[in-house]
Amino acid sequence: MELLDETTDTCVVVRFGGKVTGDEYKVFLDAIDDRLKESEKVDMVAELTEFTFYGDLEAFKEDAHFGTHEYRKVGRAAFVGDSKWIKVFIELSRPFYKAEEKQFASGALDEAVAWACQGS
């Protein structure tokens, strides 16, 4: 997991690669939480091109917590990657979250950042 330079005061831009551990996921959550201390909403971009799965149970638990807590405070969420599961996630989550979500093709990180972080 890598917090990318495109991250701003109101938009977290992260690259998940390989198997993500709980410790790595906590870095992402800390970045989200830091921004929520200053604002009611945060935007995010997750590049998932190389993401394979959770590296440990802690990562799964952290992601579940994020989905039931912090994600409710996300305004725009861009997901970069061609995997079909991203589209399925977006469709399944729509009834439960207010976030405006959009999938971008692999390699379209700049476009995703421009969309999600506009005004950041």
PDB file of N, CA and C in Angstrom:
ATOM      1  N   MET A   1       0.849  -1.170   0.000  1.00  0.00           N
ATOM      2  CA  MET A   1       0.000   0.000   0.000  1.00  0.00           C
ATOM      3  C   MET A   1       0.889   1.226   0.000  1.00  0.00           C
ATOM      4  N   GLU A   2       0.516   2.162  -0.842  1.00  0.00           N
ATOM      5  CA  GLU A   2       1.312   3.385  -0.966  1.00  0.00           C
ATOM      6  C   GLU A   2       0.383   4.594  -1.022  1.00  0.00           C
ATOM      7  N   LEU A   3       0.631   5.551  -0.135  1.00  0.00           N
ATOM      8  CA  LEU A   3      -0.076   6.826  -0.164  1.00  0.00           C
ATOM      9  C   LEU A   3       0.607   7.674  -1.227  1.00  0.00           C
ATOM     10  N   LEU A   4      -0.134   8.098  -2.248  1.00  0.00           N
ATOM     11  CA  LEU A   4       0.467   8.767  -3.399  1.00  0.00           C
ATOM     12  C   LEU A   4       0.556  10.278  -3.213  1.00  0.00           C
ATOM     13  N   ASP A   5       1.469  10.882  -3.966  1.00  0.00           N
ATOM     14  CA  ASP A   5       1.729  12.321  -3.876  1.00  0.00           C
ATOM     15  C   ASP A   5       0.518  13.171  -4.245  1.00  0.00           C
ATOM     16  N   GLU A   6      -0.423  12.620  -4.978  1.00  0.00           N
ATOM     17  CA  GLU A   6      -1.618  13.367  -5.381  1.00  0.00           C
ATOM     18  C   GLU A   6      -2.561  13.628  -4.202  1.00  0.00           C
ATOM     19  N   THR A   7      -2.299  13.005  -3.058  1.00  0.00           N
ATOM     20  CA  THR A   7      -3.113  13.202  -1.861  1.00  0.00           C
ATOM     21  C   THR A   7      -3.105  14.677  -1.464  1.00  0.00           C
ATOM     22  N   THR A   8      -4.288  15.184  -1.099  1.00  0.00           N
ATOM     23  CA  THR A   8      -4.432  16.587  -0.682  1.00  0.00           C
ATOM     24  C   THR A   8      -5.031  16.636   0.726  1.00  0.00           C
ATOM     25  N   ASP A   9      -5.349  17.825   1.170  1.00  0.00           N
ATOM     26  CA  ASP A   9      -5.959  17.988   2.493  1.00  0.00           C
ATOM     27  C   ASP A   9      -7.350  17.377   2.590  1.00  0.00           C
ATOM     28  N   THR A  10      -8.010  17.179   1.455  1.00  0.00           N
ATOM     29  CA  THR A  10      -9.378  16.654   1.470  1.00  0.00           C
ATOM     30  C   THR A  10      -9.578  15.417   0.602  1.00  0.00           C
ATOM     31  N   CYS A  11      -8.500  14.908   0.018  1.00  0.00           N
ATOM     32  CA  CYS A  11      -8.615  13.757  -0.885  1.00  0.00           C
ATOM     33  C   CYS A  11      -7.432  12.812  -0.686  1.00  0.00           C
ATOM     34  N   VAL A  12      -7.720  11.564  -0.357  1.00  0.00           N
ATOM     35  CA  VAL A  12      -6.688  10.551  -0.152  1.00  0.00           C
ATOM     36  C   VAL A  12      -6.551   9.738  -1.433  1.00  0.00           C
ATOM     37  N   VAL A  13      -5.319   9.659  -1.938  1.00  0.00           N
ATOM     38  CA  VAL A  13      -5.034   8.896  -3.155  1.00  0.00           C
ATOM     39  C   VAL A  13      -4.054   7.791  -2.772  1.00  0.00           C
ATOM     40  N   VAL A  14      -4.466   6.553  -2.983  1.00  0.00           N
ATOM     41  CA  VAL A  14      -3.703   5.414  -2.490  1.00  0.00           C
ATOM     42  C   VAL A  14      -3.599   4.341  -3.568  1.00  0.00           C
ATOM     43  N   ARG A  15      -2.493   3.600  -3.537  1.00  0.00           N
ATOM     44  CA  ARG A  15      -2.303   2.461  -4.445  1.00  0.00           C
ATOM     45  C   ARG A  15      -2.205   1.202  -3.587  1.00  0.00           C
ATOM     46  N   PHE A  16      -3.128   0.285  -3.817  1.00  0.00           N
ATOM     47  CA  PHE A  16      -3.077  -1.008  -3.152  1.00  0.00           C
ATOM     48  C   PHE A  16      -2.472  -2.002  -4.130  1.00  0.00           C
ATOM     49  N   GLY A  17      -1.429  -2.708  -3.710  1.00  0.00           N
ATOM     50  CA  GLY A  17      -0.783  -3.674  -4.592  1.00  0.00           C
ATOM     51  C   GLY A  17      -0.524  -4.974  -3.866  1.00  0.00           C
ATOM     52  N   GLY A  18      -0.656  -6.070  -4.577  1.00  0.00           N
ATOM     53  CA  GLY A  18      -0.398  -7.370  -3.971  1.00  0.00           C
ATOM     54  C   GLY A  18      -1.388  -7.671  -2.869  1.00  0.00           C
ATOM     55  N   LYS A  19      -0.894  -8.333  -1.832  1.00  0.00           N
ATOM     56  CA  LYS A  19      -1.719  -8.656  -0.669  1.00  0.00           C
ATOM     57  C   LYS A  19      -1.495  -7.593   0.392  1.00  0.00           C
ATOM     58  N   VAL A  20      -2.540  -6.894   0.754  1.00  0.00           N
ATOM     59  CA  VAL A  20      -2.460  -5.781   1.702  1.00  0.00           C
ATOM     60  C   VAL A  20      -2.604  -6.308   3.127  1.00  0.00           C
ATOM     61  N   THR A  21      -1.684  -5.891   4.001  1.00  0.00           N
ATOM     62  CA  THR A  21      -1.725  -6.304   5.404  1.00  0.00           C
ATOM     63  C   THR A  21      -2.541  -5.314   6.231  1.00  0.00           C
ATOM     64  N   GLY A  22      -2.876  -5.723   7.433  1.00  0.00           N
ATOM     65  CA  GLY A  22      -3.598  -4.848   8.343  1.00  0.00           C
ATOM     66  C   GLY A  22      -2.822  -3.586   8.661  1.00  0.00           C
ATOM     67  N   ASP A  23      -1.505  -3.714   8.855  1.00  0.00           N
ATOM     68  CA  ASP A  23      -0.674  -2.538   9.141  1.00  0.00           C
ATOM     69  C   ASP A  23      -0.688  -1.554   7.977  1.00  0.00           C
ATOM     70  N   GLU A  24      -0.635  -2.078   6.755  1.00  0.00           N
ATOM     71  CA  GLU A  24      -0.693  -1.203   5.578  1.00  0.00           C
ATOM     72  C   GLU A  24      -2.057  -0.514   5.493  1.00  0.00           C
ATOM     73  N   TYR A  25      -3.103  -1.266   5.753  1.00  0.00           N
ATOM     74  CA  TYR A  25      -4.451  -0.703   5.669  1.00  0.00           C
ATOM     75  C   TYR A  25      -4.645   0.397   6.703  1.00  0.00           C
ATOM     76  N   LYS A  26      -4.005   0.245   7.871  1.00  0.00           N
ATOM     77  CA  LYS A  26      -4.112   1.270   8.918  1.00  0.00           C
ATOM     78  C   LYS A  26      -3.507   2.597   8.463  1.00  0.00           C
ATOM     79  N   VAL A  27      -2.473   2.564   7.631  1.00  0.00           N
ATOM     80  CA  VAL A  27      -1.894   3.802   7.090  1.00  0.00           C
ATOM     81  C   VAL A  27      -2.951   4.536   6.266  1.00  0.00           C
ATOM     82  N   PHE A  28      -3.682   3.786   5.455  1.00  0.00           N
ATOM     83  CA  PHE A  28      -4.769   4.359   4.666  1.00  0.00           C
ATOM     84  C   PHE A  28      -5.850   4.947   5.580  1.00  0.00           C
ATOM     85  N   LEU A  29      -6.266   4.179   6.581  1.00  0.00           N
ATOM     86  CA  LEU A  29      -7.306   4.659   7.496  1.00  0.00           C
ATOM     87  C   LEU A  29      -6.861   5.892   8.268  1.00  0.00           C
ATOM     88  N   ASP A  30      -5.597   5.926   8.671  1.00  0.00           N
ATOM     89  CA  ASP A  30      -5.078   7.105   9.372  1.00  0.00           C
ATOM     90  C   ASP A  30      -5.151   8.341   8.479  1.00  0.00           C
ATOM     91  N   ALA A  31      -4.839   8.164   7.192  1.00  0.00           N
ATOM     92  CA  ALA A  31      -4.912   9.289   6.248  1.00  0.00           C
ATOM     93  C   ALA A  31      -6.355   9.780   6.117  1.00  0.00           C
ATOM     94  N   ILE A  32      -7.299   8.860   6.060  1.00  0.00           N
ATOM     95  CA  ILE A  32      -8.720   9.226   5.997  1.00  0.00           C
ATOM     96  C   ILE A  32      -9.126   9.949   7.285  1.00  0.00           C
ATOM     97  N   ASP A  33      -8.796   9.352   8.425  1.00  0.00           N
ATOM     98  CA  ASP A  33      -9.178   9.932   9.718  1.00  0.00           C
ATOM     99  C   ASP A  33      -8.583  11.317   9.927  1.00  0.00           C
ATOM    100  N   ASP A  34      -7.334  11.516   9.507  1.00  0.00           N
ATOM    101  CA  ASP A  34      -6.700  12.834   9.638  1.00  0.00           C
ATOM    102  C   ASP A  34      -7.496  13.901   8.897  1.00  0.00           C
ATOM    103  N   ARG A  35      -7.991  13.573   7.726  1.00  0.00           N
ATOM    104  CA  ARG A  35      -8.749  14.533   6.936  1.00  0.00           C
ATOM    105  C   ARG A  35     -10.142  14.762   7.517  1.00  0.00           C
ATOM    106  N   LEU A  36     -10.702  13.724   8.123  1.00  0.00           N
ATOM    107  CA  LEU A  36     -12.031  13.869   8.717  1.00  0.00           C
ATOM    108  C   LEU A  36     -12.007  14.704   9.999  1.00  0.00           C
ATOM    109  N   LYS A  37     -10.844  14.914  10.564  1.00  0.00           N
ATOM    110  CA  LYS A  37     -10.727  15.804  11.728  1.00  0.00           C
ATOM    111  C   LYS A  37     -10.950  17.256  11.321  1.00  0.00           C
ATOM    112  N   GLU A  38     -10.674  17.555  10.049  1.00  0.00           N
ATOM    113  CA  GLU A  38     -10.777  18.922   9.539  1.00  0.00           C
ATOM    114  C   GLU A  38     -12.016  19.156   8.684  1.00  0.00           C
ATOM    115  N   SER A  39     -12.687  18.094   8.280  1.00  0.00           N
ATOM    116  CA  SER A  39     -13.809  18.215   7.357  1.00  0.00           C
ATOM    117  C   SER A  39     -14.823  17.106   7.632  1.00  0.00           C
ATOM    118  N   GLU A  40     -16.074  17.343   7.266  1.00  0.00           N
ATOM    119  CA  GLU A  40     -17.111  16.327   7.452  1.00  0.00           C
ATOM    120  C   GLU A  40     -17.056  15.252   6.379  1.00  0.00           C
ATOM    121  N   LYS A  41     -16.455  15.567   5.250  1.00  0.00           N
ATOM    122  CA  LYS A  41     -16.366  14.631   4.128  1.00  0.00           C
ATOM    123  C   LYS A  41     -14.925  14.536   3.650  1.00  0.00           C
ATOM    124  N   VAL A  42     -14.610  13.417   3.042  1.00  0.00           N
ATOM    125  CA  VAL A  42     -13.304  13.208   2.427  1.00  0.00           C
ATOM    126  C   VAL A  42     -13.548  12.506   1.093  1.00  0.00           C
ATOM    127  N   ASP A  43     -12.726  12.803   0.114  1.00  0.00           N
ATOM    128  CA  ASP A  43     -12.791  12.107  -1.171  1.00  0.00           C
ATOM    129  C   ASP A  43     -11.618  11.142  -1.234  1.00  0.00           C
ATOM    130  N   MET A  44     -11.713  10.159  -2.117  1.00  0.00           N
ATOM    131  CA  MET A  44     -10.636   9.175  -2.189  1.00  0.00           C
ATOM    132  C   MET A  44     -10.504   8.586  -3.586  1.00  0.00           C
ATOM    133  N   VAL A  45      -9.276   8.164  -3.877  1.00  0.00           N
ATOM    134  CA  VAL A  45      -8.973   7.428  -5.099  1.00  0.00           C
ATOM    135  C   VAL A  45      -8.185   6.198  -4.671  1.00  0.00           C
ATOM    136  N   ALA A  46      -8.617   5.026  -5.106  1.00  0.00           N
ATOM    137  CA  ALA A  46      -7.907   3.787  -4.804  1.00  0.00           C
ATOM    138  C   ALA A  46      -7.502   3.129  -6.111  1.00  0.00           C
ATOM    139  N   GLU A  47      -6.191   3.069  -6.346  1.00  0.00           N
ATOM    140  CA  GLU A  47      -5.690   2.356  -7.520  1.00  0.00           C
ATOM    141  C   GLU A  47      -5.537   0.892  -7.119  1.00  0.00           C
ATOM    142  N   LEU A  48      -6.288   0.034  -7.790  1.00  0.00           N
ATOM    143  CA  LEU A  48      -6.368  -1.376  -7.416  1.00  0.00           C
ATOM    144  C   LEU A  48      -5.841  -2.297  -8.506  1.00  0.00           C
ATOM    145  N   THR A  49      -5.077  -1.757  -9.435  1.00  0.00           N
ATOM    146  CA  THR A  49      -4.615  -2.520 -10.588  1.00  0.00           C
ATOM    147  C   THR A  49      -3.844  -3.774 -10.186  1.00  0.00           C
ATOM    148  N   GLU A  50      -2.986  -3.674  -9.177  1.00  0.00           N
ATOM    149  CA  GLU A  50      -2.152  -4.804  -8.759  1.00  0.00           C
ATOM    150  C   GLU A  50      -2.662  -5.489  -7.490  1.00  0.00           C
ATOM    151  N   PHE A  51      -3.786  -5.021  -6.946  1.00  0.00           N
ATOM    152  CA  PHE A  51      -4.322  -5.583  -5.706  1.00  0.00           C
ATOM    153  C   PHE A  51      -4.788  -7.009  -5.947  1.00  0.00           C
ATOM    154  N   THR A  52      -4.388  -7.930  -5.069  1.00  0.00           N
ATOM    155  CA  THR A  52      -4.833  -9.315  -5.211  1.00  0.00           C
ATOM    156  C   THR A  52      -5.809  -9.723  -4.120  1.00  0.00           C
ATOM    157  N   PHE A  53      -5.502  -9.381  -2.869  1.00  0.00           N
ATOM    158  CA  PHE A  53      -6.400  -9.735  -1.771  1.00  0.00           C
ATOM    159  C   PHE A  53      -5.799  -9.245  -0.466  1.00  0.00           C
ATOM    160  N   TYR A  54      -6.458  -9.565   0.611  1.00  0.00           N
ATOM    161  CA  TYR A  54      -5.956  -9.218   1.934  1.00  0.00           C
ATOM    162  C   TYR A  54      -4.797 -10.145   2.297  1.00  0.00           C
ATOM    163  N   GLY A  55      -3.759  -9.572   2.885  1.00  0.00           N
ATOM    164  CA  GLY A  55      -2.603 -10.366   3.284  1.00  0.00           C
ATOM    165  C   GLY A  55      -2.782 -11.049   4.619  1.00  0.00           C
ATOM    166  N   ASP A  56      -3.730 -10.557   5.425  1.00  0.00           N
ATOM    167  CA  ASP A  56      -3.989 -11.166   6.727  1.00  0.00           C
ATOM    168  C   ASP A  56      -5.405 -10.816   7.182  1.00  0.00           C
ATOM    169  N   LEU A  57      -5.826 -11.460   8.243  1.00  0.00           N
ATOM    170  CA  LEU A  57      -7.169 -11.245   8.768  1.00  0.00           C
ATOM    171  C   LEU A  57      -7.355  -9.808   9.245  1.00  0.00           C
ATOM    172  N   GLU A  58      -6.299  -9.203   9.765  1.00  0.00           N
ATOM    173  CA  GLU A  58      -6.378  -7.826  10.256  1.00  0.00           C
ATOM    174  C   GLU A  58      -6.768  -6.862   9.127  1.00  0.00           C
ATOM    175  N   ALA A  59      -6.229  -7.066   7.933  1.00  0.00           N
ATOM    176  CA  ALA A  59      -6.574  -6.209   6.791  1.00  0.00           C
ATOM    177  C   ALA A  59      -8.057  -6.339   6.461  1.00  0.00           C
ATOM    178  N   PHE A  60      -8.565  -7.556   6.494  1.00  0.00           N
ATOM    179  CA  PHE A  60      -9.990  -7.774   6.239  1.00  0.00           C
ATOM    180  C   PHE A  60     -10.836  -7.053   7.288  1.00  0.00           C
ATOM    181  N   LYS A  61     -10.445  -7.160   8.561  1.00  0.00           N
ATOM    182  CA  LYS A  61     -11.189  -6.493   9.636  1.00  0.00           C
ATOM    183  C   LYS A  61     -11.140  -4.975   9.485  1.00  0.00           C
ATOM    184  N   GLU A  62      -9.973  -4.446   9.134  1.00  0.00           N
ATOM    185  CA  GLU A  62      -9.841  -2.996   8.950  1.00  0.00           C
ATOM    186  C   GLU A  62     -10.721  -2.517   7.796  1.00  0.00           C
ATOM    187  N   ASP A  63     -10.766  -3.292   6.718  1.00  0.00           N
ATOM    188  CA  ASP A  63     -11.590  -2.924   5.568  1.00  0.00           C
ATOM    189  C   ASP A  63     -13.073  -2.973   5.928  1.00  0.00           C
ATOM    190  N   ALA A  64     -13.469  -3.983   6.683  1.00  0.00           N
ATOM    191  CA  ALA A  64     -14.865  -4.084   7.111  1.00  0.00           C
ATOM    192  C   ALA A  64     -15.236  -2.894   7.997  1.00  0.00           C
ATOM    193  N   HIS A  65     -14.337  -2.511   8.884  1.00  0.00           N
ATOM    194  CA  HIS A  65     -14.593  -1.351   9.747  1.00  0.00           C
ATOM    195  C   HIS A  65     -14.717  -0.084   8.904  1.00  0.00           C
ATOM    196  N   PHE A  66     -13.817   0.083   7.945  1.00  0.00           N
ATOM    197  CA  PHE A  66     -13.868   1.246   7.058  1.00  0.00           C
ATOM    198  C   PHE A  66     -15.213   1.308   6.339  1.00  0.00           C
ATOM    199  N   GLY A  67     -15.664   0.175   5.834  1.00  0.00           N
ATOM    200  CA  GLY A  67     -16.921   0.126   5.097  1.00  0.00           C
ATOM    201  C   GLY A  67     -18.142   0.447   5.934  1.00  0.00           C
ATOM    202  N   THR A  68     -18.062   0.186   7.231  1.00  0.00           N
ATOM    203  CA  THR A  68     -19.216   0.440   8.091  1.00  0.00           C
ATOM    204  C   THR A  68     -19.104   1.747   8.869  1.00  0.00           C
ATOM    205  N   HIS A  69     -17.969   2.413   8.784  1.00  0.00           N
ATOM    206  CA  HIS A  69     -17.787   3.656   9.540  1.00  0.00           C
ATOM    207  C   HIS A  69     -17.324   4.806   8.642  1.00  0.00           C
ATOM    208  N   GLU A  70     -16.035   4.883   8.382  1.00  0.00           N
ATOM    209  CA  GLU A  70     -15.476   6.020   7.649  1.00  0.00           C
ATOM    210  C   GLU A  70     -16.035   6.173   6.238  1.00  0.00           C
ATOM    211  N   TYR A  71     -16.327   5.068   5.559  1.00  0.00           N
ATOM    212  CA  TYR A  71     -16.780   5.173   4.170  1.00  0.00           C
ATOM    213  C   TYR A  71     -18.088   5.950   4.059  1.00  0.00           C
ATOM    214  N   ARG A  72     -18.842   6.005   5.128  1.00  0.00           N
ATOM    215  CA  ARG A  72     -20.091   6.781   5.133  1.00  0.00           C
ATOM    216  C   ARG A  72     -19.817   8.278   5.013  1.00  0.00           C
ATOM    217  N   LYS A  73     -18.571   8.686   5.237  1.00  0.00           N
ATOM    218  CA  LYS A  73     -18.192  10.099   5.171  1.00  0.00           C
ATOM    219  C   LYS A  73     -17.405  10.427   3.902  1.00  0.00           C
ATOM    220  N   VAL A  74     -17.391   9.497   2.958  1.00  0.00           N
ATOM    221  CA  VAL A  74     -16.706   9.718   1.681  1.00  0.00           C
ATOM    222  C   VAL A  74     -17.678  10.392   0.722  1.00  0.00           C
ATOM    223  N   GLY A  75     -17.223  11.493   0.103  1.00  0.00           N
ATOM    224  CA  GLY A  75     -18.048  12.190  -0.878  1.00  0.00           C
ATOM    225  C   GLY A  75     -17.949  11.554  -2.252  1.00  0.00           C
ATOM    226  N   ARG A  76     -16.728  11.481  -2.769  1.00  0.00           N
ATOM    227  CA  ARG A  76     -16.473  10.846  -4.061  1.00  0.00           C
ATOM    228  C   ARG A  76     -15.411   9.774  -3.883  1.00  0.00           C
ATOM    229  N   ALA A  77     -15.630   8.634  -4.530  1.00  0.00           N
ATOM    230  CA  ALA A  77     -14.674   7.530  -4.471  1.00  0.00           C
ATOM    231  C   ALA A  77     -14.414   7.033  -5.884  1.00  0.00           C
ATOM    232  N   ALA A  78     -13.160   7.134  -6.299  1.00  0.00           N
ATOM    233  CA  ALA A  78     -12.758   6.637  -7.613  1.00  0.00           C
ATOM    234  C   ALA A  78     -11.941   5.368  -7.416  1.00  0.00           C
ATOM    235  N   PHE A  79     -12.237   4.359  -8.210  1.00  0.00           N
ATOM    236  CA  PHE A  79     -11.524   3.091  -8.153  1.00  0.00           C
ATOM    237  C   PHE A  79     -10.871   2.855  -9.509  1.00  0.00           C
ATOM    238  N   VAL A  80      -9.556   2.700  -9.519  1.00  0.00           N
ATOM    239  CA  VAL A  80      -8.804   2.538 -10.761  1.00  0.00           C
ATOM    240  C   VAL A  80      -8.415   1.076 -10.907  1.00  0.00           C
ATOM    241  N   GLY A  81      -8.859   0.460 -11.987  1.00  0.00           N
ATOM    242  CA  GLY A  81      -8.550  -0.941 -12.258  1.00  0.00           C
ATOM    243  C   GLY A  81      -9.614  -1.540 -13.152  1.00  0.00           C
ATOM    244  N   ASP A  82      -9.244  -2.582 -13.864  1.00  0.00           N
ATOM    245  CA  ASP A  82     -10.149  -3.187 -14.835  1.00  0.00           C
ATOM    246  C   ASP A  82     -10.921  -4.390 -14.295  1.00  0.00           C
ATOM    247  N   SER A  83     -10.669  -4.767 -13.068  1.00  0.00           N
ATOM    248  CA  SER A  83     -11.296  -5.953 -12.504  1.00  0.00           C
ATOM    249  C   SER A  83     -12.819  -5.805 -12.451  1.00  0.00           C
ATOM    250  N   LYS A  84     -13.499  -6.874 -12.795  1.00  0.00           N
ATOM    251  CA  LYS A  84     -14.966  -6.853 -12.782  1.00  0.00           C
ATOM    252  C   LYS A  84     -15.515  -6.729 -11.365  1.00  0.00           C
ATOM    253  N   TRP A  85     -14.749  -7.176 -10.356  1.00  0.00           N
ATOM    254  CA  TRP A  85     -15.259  -7.104  -8.990  1.00  0.00           C
ATOM    255  C   TRP A  85     -15.415  -5.658  -8.536  1.00  0.00           C
ATOM    256  N   ILE A  86     -14.654  -4.731  -9.115  1.00  0.00           N
ATOM    257  CA  ILE A  86     -14.800  -3.318  -8.750  1.00  0.00           C
ATOM    258  C   ILE A  86     -16.196  -2.835  -9.147  1.00  0.00           C
ATOM    259  N   LYS A  87     -16.597  -3.165 -10.364  1.00  0.00           N
ATOM    260  CA  LYS A  87     -17.927  -2.767 -10.840  1.00  0.00           C
ATOM    261  C   LYS A  87     -19.014  -3.399  -9.974  1.00  0.00           C
ATOM    262  N   VAL A  88     -18.837  -4.660  -9.623  1.00  0.00           N
ATOM    263  CA  VAL A  88     -19.814  -5.346  -8.776  1.00  0.00           C
ATOM    264  C   VAL A  88     -19.892  -4.666  -7.411  1.00  0.00           C
ATOM    265  N   PHE A  89     -18.732  -4.333  -6.823  1.00  0.00           N
ATOM    266  CA  PHE A  89     -18.708  -3.640  -5.532  1.00  0.00           C
ATOM    267  C   PHE A  89     -19.485  -2.329  -5.605  1.00  0.00           C
ATOM    268  N   ILE A  90     -19.232  -1.559  -6.644  1.00  0.00           N
ATOM    269  CA  ILE A  90     -19.908  -0.265  -6.789  1.00  0.00           C
ATOM    270  C   ILE A  90     -21.421  -0.463  -6.866  1.00  0.00           C
ATOM    271  N   GLU A  91     -21.863  -1.416  -7.654  1.00  0.00           N
ATOM    272  CA  GLU A  91     -23.301  -1.663  -7.802  1.00  0.00           C
ATOM    273  C   GLU A  91     -23.928  -2.146  -6.494  1.00  0.00           C
ATOM    274  N   LEU A  92     -23.242  -3.048  -5.797  1.00  0.00           N
ATOM    275  CA  LEU A  92     -23.792  -3.593  -4.557  1.00  0.00           C
ATOM    276  C   LEU A  92     -23.808  -2.574  -3.425  1.00  0.00           C
ATOM    277  N   SER A  93     -22.859  -1.668  -3.422  1.00  0.00           N
ATOM    278  CA  SER A  93     -22.759  -0.714  -2.314  1.00  0.00           C
ATOM    279  C   SER A  93     -23.666   0.503  -2.484  1.00  0.00           C
ATOM    280  N   ARG A  94     -24.128   0.746  -3.686  1.00  0.00           N
ATOM    281  CA  ARG A  94     -24.926   1.946  -3.964  1.00  0.00           C
ATOM    282  C   ARG A  94     -26.093   2.168  -2.990  1.00  0.00           C
ATOM    283  N   PRO A  95     -26.864   1.139  -2.666  1.00  0.00           N
ATOM    284  CA  PRO A  95     -27.996   1.382  -1.761  1.00  0.00           C
ATOM    285  C   PRO A  95     -27.586   1.746  -0.326  1.00  0.00           C
ATOM    286  N   PHE A  96     -26.346   1.456   0.043  1.00  0.00           N
ATOM    287  CA  PHE A  96     -25.927   1.609   1.432  1.00  0.00           C
ATOM    288  C   PHE A  96     -25.099   2.859   1.713  1.00  0.00           C
ATOM    289  N   TYR A  97     -24.540   3.461   0.682  1.00  0.00           N
ATOM    290  CA  TYR A  97     -23.631   4.587   0.884  1.00  0.00           C
ATOM    291  C   TYR A  97     -24.058   5.778   0.043  1.00  0.00           C
ATOM    292  N   LYS A  98     -23.712   6.954   0.528  1.00  0.00           N
ATOM    293  CA  LYS A  98     -24.026   8.181  -0.197  1.00  0.00           C
ATOM    294  C   LYS A  98     -22.900   8.598  -1.131  1.00  0.00           C
ATOM    295  N   ALA A  99     -21.779   7.923  -1.052  1.00  0.00           N
ATOM    296  CA  ALA A  99     -20.627   8.294  -1.876  1.00  0.00           C
ATOM    297  C   ALA A  99     -20.973   8.193  -3.360  1.00  0.00           C
ATOM    298  N   GLU A 100     -20.472   9.144  -4.110  1.00  0.00           N
ATOM    299  CA  GLU A 100     -20.557   9.084  -5.562  1.00  0.00           C
ATOM    300  C   GLU A 100     -19.351   8.260  -6.002  1.00  0.00           C
ATOM    301  N   GLU A 101     -19.601   7.104  -6.614  1.00  0.00           N
ATOM    302  CA  GLU A 101     -18.528   6.166  -6.947  1.00  0.00           C
ATOM    303  C   GLU A 101     -18.390   6.017  -8.454  1.00  0.00           C
ATOM    304  N   LYS A 102     -17.150   5.823  -8.882  1.00  0.00           N
ATOM    305  CA  LYS A 102     -16.900   5.669 -10.312  1.00  0.00           C
ATOM    306  C   LYS A 102     -15.655   4.808 -10.514  1.00  0.00           C
ATOM    307  N   GLN A 103     -15.723   3.922 -11.512  1.00  0.00           N
ATOM    308  CA  GLN A 103     -14.581   3.091 -11.866  1.00  0.00           C
ATOM    309  C   GLN A 103     -13.860   3.698 -13.058  1.00  0.00           C
ATOM    310  N   PHE A 104     -12.532   3.659 -13.011  1.00  0.00           N
ATOM    311  CA  PHE A 104     -11.683   4.130 -14.101  1.00  0.00           C
ATOM    312  C   PHE A 104     -10.793   2.981 -14.547  1.00  0.00           C
ATOM    313  N   ALA A 105     -10.467   2.957 -15.823  1.00  0.00           N
ATOM    314  CA  ALA A 105      -9.622   1.905 -16.378  1.00  0.00           C
ATOM    315  C   ALA A 105      -8.210   1.984 -15.804  1.00  0.00           C
ATOM    316  N   SER A 106      -7.529   0.858 -15.802  1.00  0.00           N
ATOM    317  CA  SER A 106      -6.119   0.843 -15.403  1.00  0.00           C
ATOM    318  C   SER A 106      -5.364   1.866 -16.231  1.00  0.00           C
ATOM    319  N   GLY A 107      -4.480   2.603 -15.585  1.00  0.00           N
ATOM    320  CA  GLY A 107      -3.715   3.631 -16.282  1.00  0.00           C
ATOM    321  C   GLY A 107      -4.379   4.993 -16.289  1.00  0.00           C
ATOM    322  N   ALA A 108      -5.595   5.092 -15.765  1.00  0.00           N
ATOM    323  CA  ALA A 108      -6.329   6.366 -15.779  1.00  0.00           C
ATOM    324  C   ALA A 108      -6.313   7.042 -14.404  1.00  0.00           C
ATOM    325  N   LEU A 109      -5.195   6.919 -13.696  1.00  0.00           N
ATOM    326  CA  LEU A 109      -5.101   7.508 -12.361  1.00  0.00           C
ATOM    327  C   LEU A 109      -5.309   9.017 -12.395  1.00  0.00           C
ATOM    328  N   ASP A 110      -4.675   9.703 -13.347  1.00  0.00           N
ATOM    329  CA  ASP A 110      -4.814  11.163 -13.419  1.00  0.00           C
ATOM    330  C   ASP A 110      -6.268  11.579 -13.618  1.00  0.00           C
ATOM    331  N   GLU A 111      -6.973  10.865 -14.469  1.00  0.00           N
ATOM    332  CA  GLU A 111      -8.387  11.153 -14.718  1.00  0.00           C
ATOM    333  C   GLU A 111      -9.219  10.904 -13.453  1.00  0.00           C
ATOM    334  N   ALA A 112      -8.914   9.825 -12.746  1.00  0.00           N
ATOM    335  CA  ALA A 112      -9.633   9.506 -11.511  1.00  0.00           C
ATOM    336  C   ALA A 112      -9.395  10.570 -10.445  1.00  0.00           C
ATOM    337  N   VAL A 113      -8.147  11.021 -10.323  1.00  0.00           N
ATOM    338  CA  VAL A 113      -7.813  12.063  -9.350  1.00  0.00           C
ATOM    339  C   VAL A 113      -8.536  13.359  -9.703  1.00  0.00           C
ATOM    340  N   ALA A 114      -8.543  13.715 -10.988  1.00  0.00           N
ATOM    341  CA  ALA A 114      -9.219  14.942 -11.420  1.00  0.00           C
ATOM    342  C   ALA A 114     -10.707  14.884 -11.076  1.00  0.00           C
ATOM    343  N   TRP A 115     -11.323  13.727 -11.252  1.00  0.00           N
ATOM    344  CA  TRP A 115     -12.747  13.584 -10.963  1.00  0.00           C
ATOM    345  C   TRP A 115     -13.019  13.593  -9.457  1.00  0.00           C
ATOM    346  N   ALA A 116     -12.309  12.761  -8.710  1.00  0.00           N
ATOM    347  CA  ALA A 116     -12.600  12.601  -7.280  1.00  0.00           C
ATOM    348  C   ALA A 116     -12.134  13.779  -6.441  1.00  0.00           C
ATOM    349  N   CYS A 117     -11.012  14.354  -6.811  1.00  0.00           N
ATOM    350  CA  CYS A 117     -10.392  15.388  -5.975  1.00  0.00           C
ATOM    351  C   CYS A 117     -10.669  16.797  -6.469  1.00  0.00           C
ATOM    352  N   GLN A 118     -11.627  16.960  -7.347  1.00  0.00           N
ATOM    353  CA  GLN A 118     -11.917  18.300  -7.874  1.00  0.00           C
ATOM    354  C   GLN A 118     -12.222  19.247  -6.727  1.00  0.00           C
ATOM    355  N   GLY A 119     -11.580  20.361  -6.752  1.00  0.00           N
ATOM    356  CA  GLY A 119     -11.775  21.352  -5.707  1.00  0.00           C
ATOM    357  C   GLY A 119     -10.982  21.091  -4.448  1.00  0.00           C
ATOM    358  N   SER A 120     -10.209  20.002  -4.432  1.00  0.00           N
ATOM    359  CA  SER A 120      -9.420  19.680  -3.232  1.00  0.00           C
ATOM    360  C   SER A 120      -8.156  20.489  -3.175  1.00  0.00           C
TER     361      SER A 120
END
